């Protein structure tokens, strides 16, 4: 009986830990950005929480995403229009062994946006791509979007306009 009770307690503890782990890095509208640390192509650690102070767009993608290229182009255009008033970071969710393919893809798109790698999928596991988070200058998540359509495009542009 004692082992059974410990087994139930262990199972309950594992379920709680699983649920906690899956919400620790959740981006939720009207909440502060969670602690996010990722490496760039040069393996330099970038702490996005230290970038608070200017509006920020995070756009996660993978190589298989067919809707990501148009959104990357949209974000490149917005960054070009707003310059230093907007921070944009691309976050790649492919395994790190595909890093060169990711960099080649961005080069073909003539993309000069900073790229970060979520090699362990700490922030992107289980999400649909593109996965876009728009954060105001105070570090508050204003919008979380998945997929790319005319509707999401309009929301991205509207939200960026509101936070700039």
N, C-alpha and C. Protein backbone atom coordinates (compact mmCIF):
# COMPACT_ATOMS: atom_id res chain seq x y z
N UNK A 1 0.83 -1.19 0.00
CA UNK A 1 0.00 0.00 0.00
C UNK A 1 0.87 1.25 0.00
N UNK A 2 1.94 1.21 0.77
CA UNK A 2 2.84 2.36 0.86
C UNK A 2 3.46 2.67 -0.51
N UNK A 3 3.86 1.65 -1.26
CA UNK A 3 4.44 1.86 -2.59
C UNK A 3 3.42 2.43 -3.55
N UNK A 4 2.18 1.99 -3.45
CA UNK A 4 1.12 2.49 -4.32
C UNK A 4 0.90 3.97 -4.06
N UNK A 5 0.86 4.37 -2.81
CA UNK A 5 0.67 5.77 -2.48
C UNK A 5 1.81 6.61 -3.04
N UNK A 6 3.02 6.14 -2.92
CA UNK A 6 4.18 6.85 -3.47
C UNK A 6 4.10 6.90 -4.99
N UNK A 7 3.60 5.83 -5.60
CA UNK A 7 3.46 5.81 -7.06
C UNK A 7 2.44 6.85 -7.51
N UNK A 8 1.32 6.97 -6.80
CA UNK A 8 0.31 7.97 -7.13
C UNK A 8 0.86 9.38 -6.93
N UNK A 9 1.60 9.56 -5.85
CA UNK A 9 2.19 10.87 -5.59
C UNK A 9 3.22 11.22 -6.66
N UNK A 10 4.00 10.23 -7.05
CA UNK A 10 5.01 10.45 -8.08
C UNK A 10 4.34 10.80 -9.40
N UNK A 11 3.28 10.07 -9.75
CA UNK A 11 2.55 10.35 -10.99
C UNK A 11 1.97 11.75 -10.96
N UNK A 12 1.36 12.12 -9.85
CA UNK A 12 0.79 13.46 -9.73
C UNK A 12 1.88 14.52 -9.85
N UNK A 13 3.00 14.30 -9.21
CA UNK A 13 4.11 15.24 -9.30
C UNK A 13 4.61 15.36 -10.74
N UNK A 14 4.72 14.25 -11.45
CA UNK A 14 5.18 14.29 -12.84
C UNK A 14 4.19 15.04 -13.72
N UNK A 15 2.90 14.84 -13.50
CA UNK A 15 1.88 15.56 -14.27
C UNK A 15 1.99 17.06 -14.00
N UNK A 16 2.14 17.44 -12.76
CA UNK A 16 2.29 18.86 -12.41
C UNK A 16 3.54 19.45 -13.04
N UNK A 17 4.64 18.74 -12.97
CA UNK A 17 5.89 19.22 -13.58
C UNK A 17 5.74 19.35 -15.09
N UNK A 18 5.07 18.39 -15.73
CA UNK A 18 4.85 18.44 -17.18
C UNK A 18 4.04 19.68 -17.54
N UNK A 19 2.95 19.90 -16.82
CA UNK A 19 2.11 21.07 -17.11
C UNK A 19 2.86 22.36 -16.86
N UNK A 20 3.65 22.41 -15.80
CA UNK A 20 4.44 23.60 -15.49
C UNK A 20 5.47 23.85 -16.58
N UNK A 21 6.15 22.80 -17.01
CA UNK A 21 7.18 22.96 -18.04
C UNK A 21 6.60 23.46 -19.34
N UNK A 22 5.36 23.07 -19.65
CA UNK A 22 4.74 23.49 -20.89
C UNK A 22 4.13 24.89 -20.82
N UNK A 23 4.13 25.49 -19.65
CA UNK A 23 3.61 26.85 -19.54
C UNK A 23 4.67 27.85 -19.15
N UNK A 24 5.83 27.40 -18.74
CA UNK A 24 6.88 28.32 -18.31
C UNK A 24 7.23 29.30 -19.42
N UNK A 25 7.32 28.84 -20.63
CA UNK A 25 7.76 29.68 -21.73
C UNK A 25 6.60 30.16 -22.60
N UNK A 26 5.39 30.09 -22.07
CA UNK A 26 4.23 30.52 -22.84
C UNK A 26 4.23 32.04 -23.00
N UNK A 27 3.90 32.46 -24.19
CA UNK A 27 3.73 33.88 -24.48
C UNK A 27 2.24 34.15 -24.40
N UNK A 28 1.83 34.97 -23.46
CA UNK A 28 0.41 35.25 -23.27
C UNK A 28 0.15 36.74 -23.43
N UNK A 29 -0.88 37.09 -24.20
CA UNK A 29 -1.22 38.51 -24.35
C UNK A 29 -1.47 39.18 -23.00
N UNK A 30 -1.02 40.42 -22.91
CA UNK A 30 -1.15 41.26 -21.72
C UNK A 30 -0.32 40.80 -20.54
N UNK A 31 0.64 39.91 -20.78
CA UNK A 31 1.57 39.47 -19.74
C UNK A 31 2.98 39.85 -20.19
N UNK A 32 3.88 39.92 -19.23
CA UNK A 32 5.28 40.22 -19.56
C UNK A 32 5.89 39.08 -20.36
N UNK A 33 6.83 39.45 -21.20
CA UNK A 33 7.57 38.45 -21.97
C UNK A 33 8.30 37.53 -20.99
N UNK A 34 8.21 36.21 -21.21
CA UNK A 34 8.97 35.32 -20.32
C UNK A 34 10.46 35.46 -20.61
N UNK A 35 11.27 34.95 -19.73
CA UNK A 35 12.72 34.97 -19.94
C UNK A 35 13.04 34.13 -21.18
N UNK A 36 13.69 34.77 -22.15
CA UNK A 36 14.01 34.11 -23.41
C UNK A 36 15.49 34.34 -23.71
N UNK A 37 16.24 33.24 -23.79
CA UNK A 37 17.66 33.30 -24.13
C UNK A 37 17.93 32.30 -25.24
N UNK A 38 18.40 32.81 -26.37
CA UNK A 38 18.69 31.98 -27.53
C UNK A 38 20.03 32.36 -28.12
N UNK A 39 20.58 31.50 -28.93
CA UNK A 39 21.88 31.78 -29.55
C UNK A 39 21.67 32.21 -31.00
N UNK A 40 22.51 33.14 -31.43
CA UNK A 40 22.46 33.57 -32.82
C UNK A 40 23.35 32.64 -33.66
N UNK A 41 23.53 32.98 -34.92
CA UNK A 41 24.31 32.13 -35.84
C UNK A 41 25.77 32.00 -35.41
N UNK A 42 26.27 32.99 -34.67
CA UNK A 42 27.65 32.95 -34.18
C UNK A 42 27.77 32.33 -32.80
N UNK A 43 26.69 31.73 -32.33
CA UNK A 43 26.60 31.09 -31.02
C UNK A 43 26.63 32.07 -29.83
N UNK A 44 26.44 33.35 -30.12
CA UNK A 44 26.37 34.34 -29.04
C UNK A 44 24.99 34.26 -28.39
N UNK A 45 24.97 34.23 -27.06
CA UNK A 45 23.71 34.16 -26.34
C UNK A 45 23.04 35.52 -26.34
N UNK A 46 21.79 35.54 -26.79
CA UNK A 46 20.99 36.77 -26.84
C UNK A 46 19.84 36.61 -25.85
N UNK A 47 19.76 37.54 -24.93
CA UNK A 47 18.68 37.54 -23.94
C UNK A 47 17.66 38.59 -24.38
N UNK A 48 16.54 38.12 -24.89
CA UNK A 48 15.55 39.04 -25.44
C UNK A 48 14.96 39.94 -24.37
N UNK A 49 14.94 39.50 -23.12
CA UNK A 49 14.44 40.33 -22.03
C UNK A 49 15.29 41.58 -21.85
N UNK A 50 16.54 41.51 -22.25
CA UNK A 50 17.43 42.67 -22.15
C UNK A 50 17.22 43.64 -23.31
N UNK A 51 16.39 43.26 -24.27
CA UNK A 51 16.11 44.11 -25.43
C UNK A 51 14.85 44.95 -25.23
N UNK A 52 14.21 44.80 -24.07
CA UNK A 52 13.01 45.58 -23.79
C UNK A 52 13.38 47.06 -23.78
N UNK A 53 12.50 47.87 -24.30
CA UNK A 53 12.74 49.30 -24.40
C UNK A 53 12.26 49.84 -25.74
N UNK A 54 12.20 48.94 -26.71
CA UNK A 54 11.64 49.24 -28.03
C UNK A 54 10.68 48.12 -28.39
N UNK A 55 9.65 48.42 -29.18
CA UNK A 55 8.75 47.36 -29.62
C UNK A 55 9.53 46.24 -30.32
N UNK A 56 9.02 45.02 -30.16
CA UNK A 56 9.74 43.85 -30.66
C UNK A 56 8.76 42.86 -31.30
N UNK A 57 9.19 42.29 -32.40
CA UNK A 57 8.43 41.21 -33.04
C UNK A 57 9.33 39.98 -33.07
N UNK A 58 8.81 38.87 -32.57
CA UNK A 58 9.50 37.59 -32.65
C UNK A 58 8.71 36.72 -33.61
N UNK A 59 9.38 36.17 -34.58
CA UNK A 59 8.68 35.31 -35.55
C UNK A 59 9.42 33.99 -35.66
N UNK A 60 8.77 32.93 -35.17
CA UNK A 60 9.37 31.60 -35.21
C UNK A 60 8.93 30.88 -36.49
N UNK A 61 9.87 30.13 -37.04
CA UNK A 61 9.60 29.40 -38.29
C UNK A 61 10.46 28.15 -38.35
N UNK A 62 10.13 27.29 -39.30
CA UNK A 62 11.02 26.18 -39.62
C UNK A 62 11.09 26.06 -41.14
N UNK A 63 11.98 25.24 -41.61
CA UNK A 63 12.20 25.12 -43.06
C UNK A 63 10.99 24.56 -43.80
N UNK A 64 10.17 23.77 -43.14
CA UNK A 64 9.02 23.15 -43.80
C UNK A 64 7.83 24.10 -43.93
N UNK A 65 7.88 25.25 -43.30
CA UNK A 65 6.75 26.18 -43.28
C UNK A 65 6.59 26.88 -44.63
N UNK A 66 5.44 26.67 -45.27
CA UNK A 66 5.19 27.31 -46.57
C UNK A 66 4.65 28.73 -46.42
N UNK A 67 4.17 29.08 -45.23
CA UNK A 67 3.61 30.41 -45.01
C UNK A 67 4.62 31.38 -44.39
N UNK A 68 5.78 30.89 -44.07
CA UNK A 68 6.76 31.71 -43.36
C UNK A 68 7.45 32.74 -44.26
N UNK A 69 7.76 32.37 -45.49
CA UNK A 69 8.47 33.30 -46.38
C UNK A 69 7.71 34.62 -46.57
N UNK A 70 6.39 34.59 -46.85
CA UNK A 70 5.68 35.86 -47.01
C UNK A 70 5.70 36.70 -45.72
N UNK A 71 5.63 36.05 -44.59
CA UNK A 71 5.67 36.82 -43.34
C UNK A 71 7.06 37.39 -43.09
N UNK A 72 8.09 36.63 -43.39
CA UNK A 72 9.45 37.16 -43.25
C UNK A 72 9.60 38.41 -44.13
N UNK A 73 9.10 38.34 -45.35
CA UNK A 73 9.18 39.50 -46.25
C UNK A 73 8.39 40.68 -45.69
N UNK A 74 7.23 40.44 -45.12
CA UNK A 74 6.44 41.50 -44.50
C UNK A 74 7.22 42.15 -43.35
N UNK A 75 7.82 41.33 -42.51
CA UNK A 75 8.57 41.86 -41.37
C UNK A 75 9.83 42.60 -41.82
N UNK A 76 10.44 42.14 -42.90
CA UNK A 76 11.60 42.86 -43.45
C UNK A 76 11.16 44.26 -43.88
N UNK A 77 10.01 44.35 -44.54
CA UNK A 77 9.49 45.63 -45.01
C UNK A 77 9.15 46.55 -43.83
N UNK A 78 8.51 46.00 -42.81
CA UNK A 78 8.18 46.81 -41.63
C UNK A 78 9.44 47.31 -40.93
N UNK A 79 10.42 46.45 -40.82
CA UNK A 79 11.69 46.84 -40.20
C UNK A 79 12.35 47.95 -41.03
N UNK A 80 12.31 47.80 -42.34
CA UNK A 80 12.88 48.82 -43.23
C UNK A 80 12.16 50.15 -43.04
N UNK A 81 10.84 50.12 -42.94
CA UNK A 81 10.05 51.35 -42.78
C UNK A 81 10.26 52.01 -41.43
N UNK A 82 10.38 51.20 -40.37
CA UNK A 82 10.45 51.75 -39.02
C UNK A 82 11.87 51.86 -38.47
N UNK A 83 12.81 51.22 -39.12
CA UNK A 83 14.21 51.33 -38.70
C UNK A 83 14.42 50.93 -37.25
N UNK A 84 15.12 51.79 -36.53
CA UNK A 84 15.49 51.50 -35.14
C UNK A 84 14.30 51.54 -34.18
N UNK A 85 13.14 51.97 -34.65
CA UNK A 85 11.96 52.02 -33.79
C UNK A 85 11.29 50.66 -33.61
N UNK A 86 11.77 49.65 -34.32
CA UNK A 86 11.20 48.31 -34.21
C UNK A 86 12.32 47.28 -34.23
N UNK A 87 12.26 46.36 -33.28
CA UNK A 87 13.19 45.23 -33.25
C UNK A 87 12.45 44.01 -33.81
N UNK A 88 13.11 43.28 -34.69
CA UNK A 88 12.52 42.06 -35.24
C UNK A 88 13.56 40.96 -35.13
N UNK A 89 13.14 39.84 -34.57
CA UNK A 89 14.01 38.67 -34.45
C UNK A 89 13.31 37.47 -35.04
N UNK A 90 14.00 36.77 -35.93
CA UNK A 90 13.51 35.49 -36.44
C UNK A 90 14.04 34.40 -35.53
N UNK A 91 13.20 33.43 -35.23
CA UNK A 91 13.61 32.31 -34.39
C UNK A 91 13.39 31.04 -35.17
N UNK A 92 14.46 30.32 -35.44
CA UNK A 92 14.35 29.08 -36.19
C UNK A 92 14.21 27.91 -35.23
N UNK A 93 13.27 27.02 -35.55
CA UNK A 93 12.97 25.88 -34.69
C UNK A 93 13.47 24.56 -35.26
N UNK A 94 14.27 24.60 -36.31
CA UNK A 94 14.82 23.35 -36.85
C UNK A 94 15.97 22.88 -35.97
N UNK A 95 16.33 21.63 -36.11
CA UNK A 95 17.48 21.12 -35.38
C UNK A 95 18.73 21.87 -35.85
N UNK A 96 19.67 22.03 -34.97
CA UNK A 96 20.85 22.86 -35.25
C UNK A 96 21.66 22.34 -36.44
N UNK A 97 21.53 21.05 -36.77
CA UNK A 97 22.26 20.51 -37.92
C UNK A 97 21.76 21.12 -39.24
N UNK A 98 20.59 21.77 -39.22
CA UNK A 98 20.06 22.41 -40.42
C UNK A 98 20.39 23.90 -40.47
N UNK A 99 21.27 24.34 -39.60
CA UNK A 99 21.61 25.76 -39.51
C UNK A 99 22.04 26.34 -40.86
N UNK A 100 22.89 25.65 -41.58
CA UNK A 100 23.36 26.17 -42.87
C UNK A 100 22.23 26.28 -43.88
N UNK A 101 21.31 25.32 -43.88
CA UNK A 101 20.15 25.40 -44.78
C UNK A 101 19.28 26.59 -44.42
N UNK A 102 19.13 26.84 -43.12
CA UNK A 102 18.34 27.99 -42.67
C UNK A 102 19.00 29.28 -43.13
N UNK A 103 20.30 29.38 -42.95
CA UNK A 103 21.03 30.59 -43.36
C UNK A 103 20.97 30.77 -44.88
N UNK A 104 21.05 29.67 -45.63
CA UNK A 104 20.93 29.75 -47.10
C UNK A 104 19.54 30.25 -47.51
N UNK A 105 18.51 29.75 -46.83
CA UNK A 105 17.15 30.17 -47.13
C UNK A 105 17.00 31.68 -46.91
N UNK A 106 17.51 32.17 -45.79
CA UNK A 106 17.40 33.60 -45.48
C UNK A 106 18.21 34.44 -46.47
N UNK A 107 19.33 33.91 -46.90
CA UNK A 107 20.15 34.62 -47.90
C UNK A 107 19.38 34.74 -49.22
N UNK A 108 18.70 33.67 -49.62
CA UNK A 108 17.90 33.70 -50.85
C UNK A 108 16.76 34.71 -50.75
N UNK A 109 16.24 34.89 -49.54
CA UNK A 109 15.18 35.87 -49.32
C UNK A 109 15.74 37.29 -49.16
N UNK A 110 17.06 37.40 -49.21
CA UNK A 110 17.75 38.67 -48.99
C UNK A 110 17.36 39.27 -47.64
N UNK A 111 17.26 38.38 -46.67
CA UNK A 111 16.83 38.75 -45.33
C UNK A 111 18.03 39.14 -44.47
N UNK A 112 17.93 40.32 -43.89
CA UNK A 112 19.00 40.79 -43.00
C UNK A 112 18.53 40.90 -41.55
N UNK A 113 17.37 40.30 -41.25
CA UNK A 113 16.87 40.31 -39.88
C UNK A 113 17.71 39.37 -39.02
N UNK A 114 17.90 39.71 -37.75
CA UNK A 114 18.67 38.82 -36.87
C UNK A 114 17.98 37.47 -36.72
N UNK A 115 18.78 36.41 -36.75
CA UNK A 115 18.25 35.05 -36.63
C UNK A 115 18.76 34.44 -35.33
N UNK A 116 17.85 33.83 -34.61
CA UNK A 116 18.18 33.11 -33.38
C UNK A 116 17.73 31.66 -33.57
N UNK A 117 18.37 30.75 -32.85
CA UNK A 117 18.08 29.34 -33.01
C UNK A 117 17.53 28.74 -31.72
N UNK A 118 16.37 28.13 -31.82
CA UNK A 118 15.74 27.44 -30.70
C UNK A 118 15.99 25.95 -30.88
N UNK A 119 17.27 25.58 -30.78
CA UNK A 119 17.67 24.22 -31.13
C UNK A 119 17.02 23.14 -30.28
N UNK A 120 16.61 23.46 -29.06
CA UNK A 120 15.94 22.49 -28.20
C UNK A 120 14.42 22.68 -28.21
N UNK A 121 13.95 23.58 -29.02
CA UNK A 121 12.52 23.94 -29.10
C UNK A 121 11.95 24.27 -27.72
N UNK A 122 12.72 25.02 -26.95
CA UNK A 122 12.26 25.46 -25.64
C UNK A 122 11.08 26.40 -25.74
N UNK A 123 11.01 27.18 -26.81
CA UNK A 123 9.98 28.20 -26.96
C UNK A 123 9.00 27.89 -28.09
N UNK A 124 9.32 26.92 -28.92
CA UNK A 124 8.52 26.69 -30.12
C UNK A 124 7.94 25.27 -30.23
N UNK A 125 8.18 24.44 -29.25
CA UNK A 125 7.68 23.07 -29.33
C UNK A 125 6.16 23.06 -29.38
N UNK A 126 5.62 22.37 -30.36
CA UNK A 126 4.19 22.18 -30.46
C UNK A 126 3.41 23.35 -31.03
N UNK A 127 4.10 24.37 -31.54
CA UNK A 127 3.37 25.51 -32.10
C UNK A 127 3.28 25.37 -33.62
N UNK A 128 2.27 26.03 -34.19
CA UNK A 128 2.13 26.08 -35.64
C UNK A 128 2.95 27.28 -36.14
N UNK A 129 3.50 27.13 -37.32
CA UNK A 129 4.34 28.19 -37.89
C UNK A 129 3.62 28.88 -39.03
N UNK A 130 3.93 30.14 -39.28
CA UNK A 130 4.74 31.00 -38.44
C UNK A 130 4.05 31.26 -37.10
N UNK A 131 4.88 31.47 -36.09
CA UNK A 131 4.44 31.74 -34.73
C UNK A 131 5.00 33.12 -34.40
N UNK A 132 4.11 34.10 -34.27
CA UNK A 132 4.54 35.49 -34.17
C UNK A 132 4.07 36.10 -32.86
N UNK A 133 5.00 36.74 -32.16
CA UNK A 133 4.72 37.39 -30.90
C UNK A 133 5.10 38.86 -31.05
N UNK A 134 4.17 39.75 -30.74
CA UNK A 134 4.43 41.18 -30.83
C UNK A 134 4.42 41.74 -29.41
N UNK A 135 5.50 42.43 -29.06
CA UNK A 135 5.75 42.88 -27.69
C UNK A 135 5.96 44.38 -27.69
N UNK A 136 5.33 45.08 -26.75
CA UNK A 136 5.50 46.53 -26.70
C UNK A 136 6.82 46.91 -26.03
N UNK A 137 7.09 48.19 -25.96
CA UNK A 137 8.38 48.67 -25.45
C UNK A 137 8.55 48.42 -23.95
N UNK A 138 7.48 48.07 -23.25
CA UNK A 138 7.56 47.76 -21.82
C UNK A 138 7.71 46.27 -21.56
N UNK A 139 7.76 45.49 -22.62
CA UNK A 139 7.92 44.05 -22.47
C UNK A 139 6.62 43.29 -22.30
N UNK A 140 5.50 43.93 -22.64
CA UNK A 140 4.19 43.29 -22.52
C UNK A 140 3.80 42.68 -23.87
N UNK A 141 3.43 41.41 -23.85
CA UNK A 141 3.00 40.73 -25.07
C UNK A 141 1.65 41.30 -25.49
N UNK A 142 1.60 41.84 -26.70
CA UNK A 142 0.37 42.44 -27.21
C UNK A 142 -0.41 41.51 -28.12
N UNK A 143 0.29 40.64 -28.82
CA UNK A 143 -0.39 39.76 -29.78
C UNK A 143 0.42 38.49 -29.95
N UNK A 144 -0.26 37.35 -30.03
CA UNK A 144 0.35 36.07 -30.33
C UNK A 144 -0.45 35.48 -31.48
N UNK A 145 0.23 35.22 -32.59
CA UNK A 145 -0.46 34.75 -33.80
C UNK A 145 0.22 33.50 -34.34
N UNK A 146 -0.58 32.63 -34.94
CA UNK A 146 -0.02 31.48 -35.65
C UNK A 146 -0.58 31.47 -37.06
N UNK A 147 0.22 30.96 -37.97
CA UNK A 147 -0.19 30.93 -39.36
C UNK A 147 -0.03 32.30 -40.01
N UNK A 148 -0.26 32.34 -41.32
CA UNK A 148 -0.15 33.60 -42.05
C UNK A 148 -1.23 33.64 -43.12
N UNK A 149 -2.05 34.67 -43.03
CA UNK A 149 -3.14 34.89 -43.97
C UNK A 149 -3.35 36.39 -44.06
N UNK A 150 -4.31 36.82 -44.84
CA UNK A 150 -4.62 38.25 -44.91
C UNK A 150 -5.06 38.77 -43.53
N UNK A 151 -5.75 37.93 -42.79
CA UNK A 151 -6.21 38.33 -41.45
C UNK A 151 -5.03 38.51 -40.50
N UNK A 152 -4.12 37.54 -40.46
CA UNK A 152 -2.97 37.68 -39.56
C UNK A 152 -2.05 38.81 -40.02
N UNK A 153 -1.92 38.97 -41.32
CA UNK A 153 -1.11 40.08 -41.85
C UNK A 153 -1.67 41.41 -41.36
N UNK A 154 -2.98 41.58 -41.44
CA UNK A 154 -3.62 42.81 -40.98
C UNK A 154 -3.42 43.01 -39.48
N UNK A 155 -3.50 41.92 -38.71
CA UNK A 155 -3.30 42.02 -37.25
C UNK A 155 -1.86 42.41 -36.93
N UNK A 156 -0.91 41.84 -37.65
CA UNK A 156 0.50 42.17 -37.44
C UNK A 156 0.72 43.66 -37.69
N UNK A 157 0.26 44.13 -38.83
CA UNK A 157 0.46 45.55 -39.19
C UNK A 157 -0.25 46.48 -38.22
N UNK A 158 -1.47 46.14 -37.84
CA UNK A 158 -2.24 46.97 -36.91
C UNK A 158 -1.56 47.03 -35.54
N UNK A 159 -1.13 45.88 -35.05
CA UNK A 159 -0.51 45.83 -33.72
C UNK A 159 0.82 46.56 -33.71
N UNK A 160 1.62 46.41 -34.75
CA UNK A 160 2.89 47.14 -34.83
C UNK A 160 2.62 48.64 -34.84
N UNK A 161 1.63 49.06 -35.58
CA UNK A 161 1.28 50.48 -35.64
C UNK A 161 0.87 50.99 -34.26
N UNK A 162 0.10 50.20 -33.52
CA UNK A 162 -0.36 50.59 -32.19
C UNK A 162 0.76 50.70 -31.17
N UNK A 163 1.78 49.87 -31.27
CA UNK A 163 2.84 49.85 -30.24
C UNK A 163 4.04 50.72 -30.56
N UNK A 164 4.13 51.23 -31.78
CA UNK A 164 5.33 52.01 -32.13
C UNK A 164 5.31 53.42 -31.60
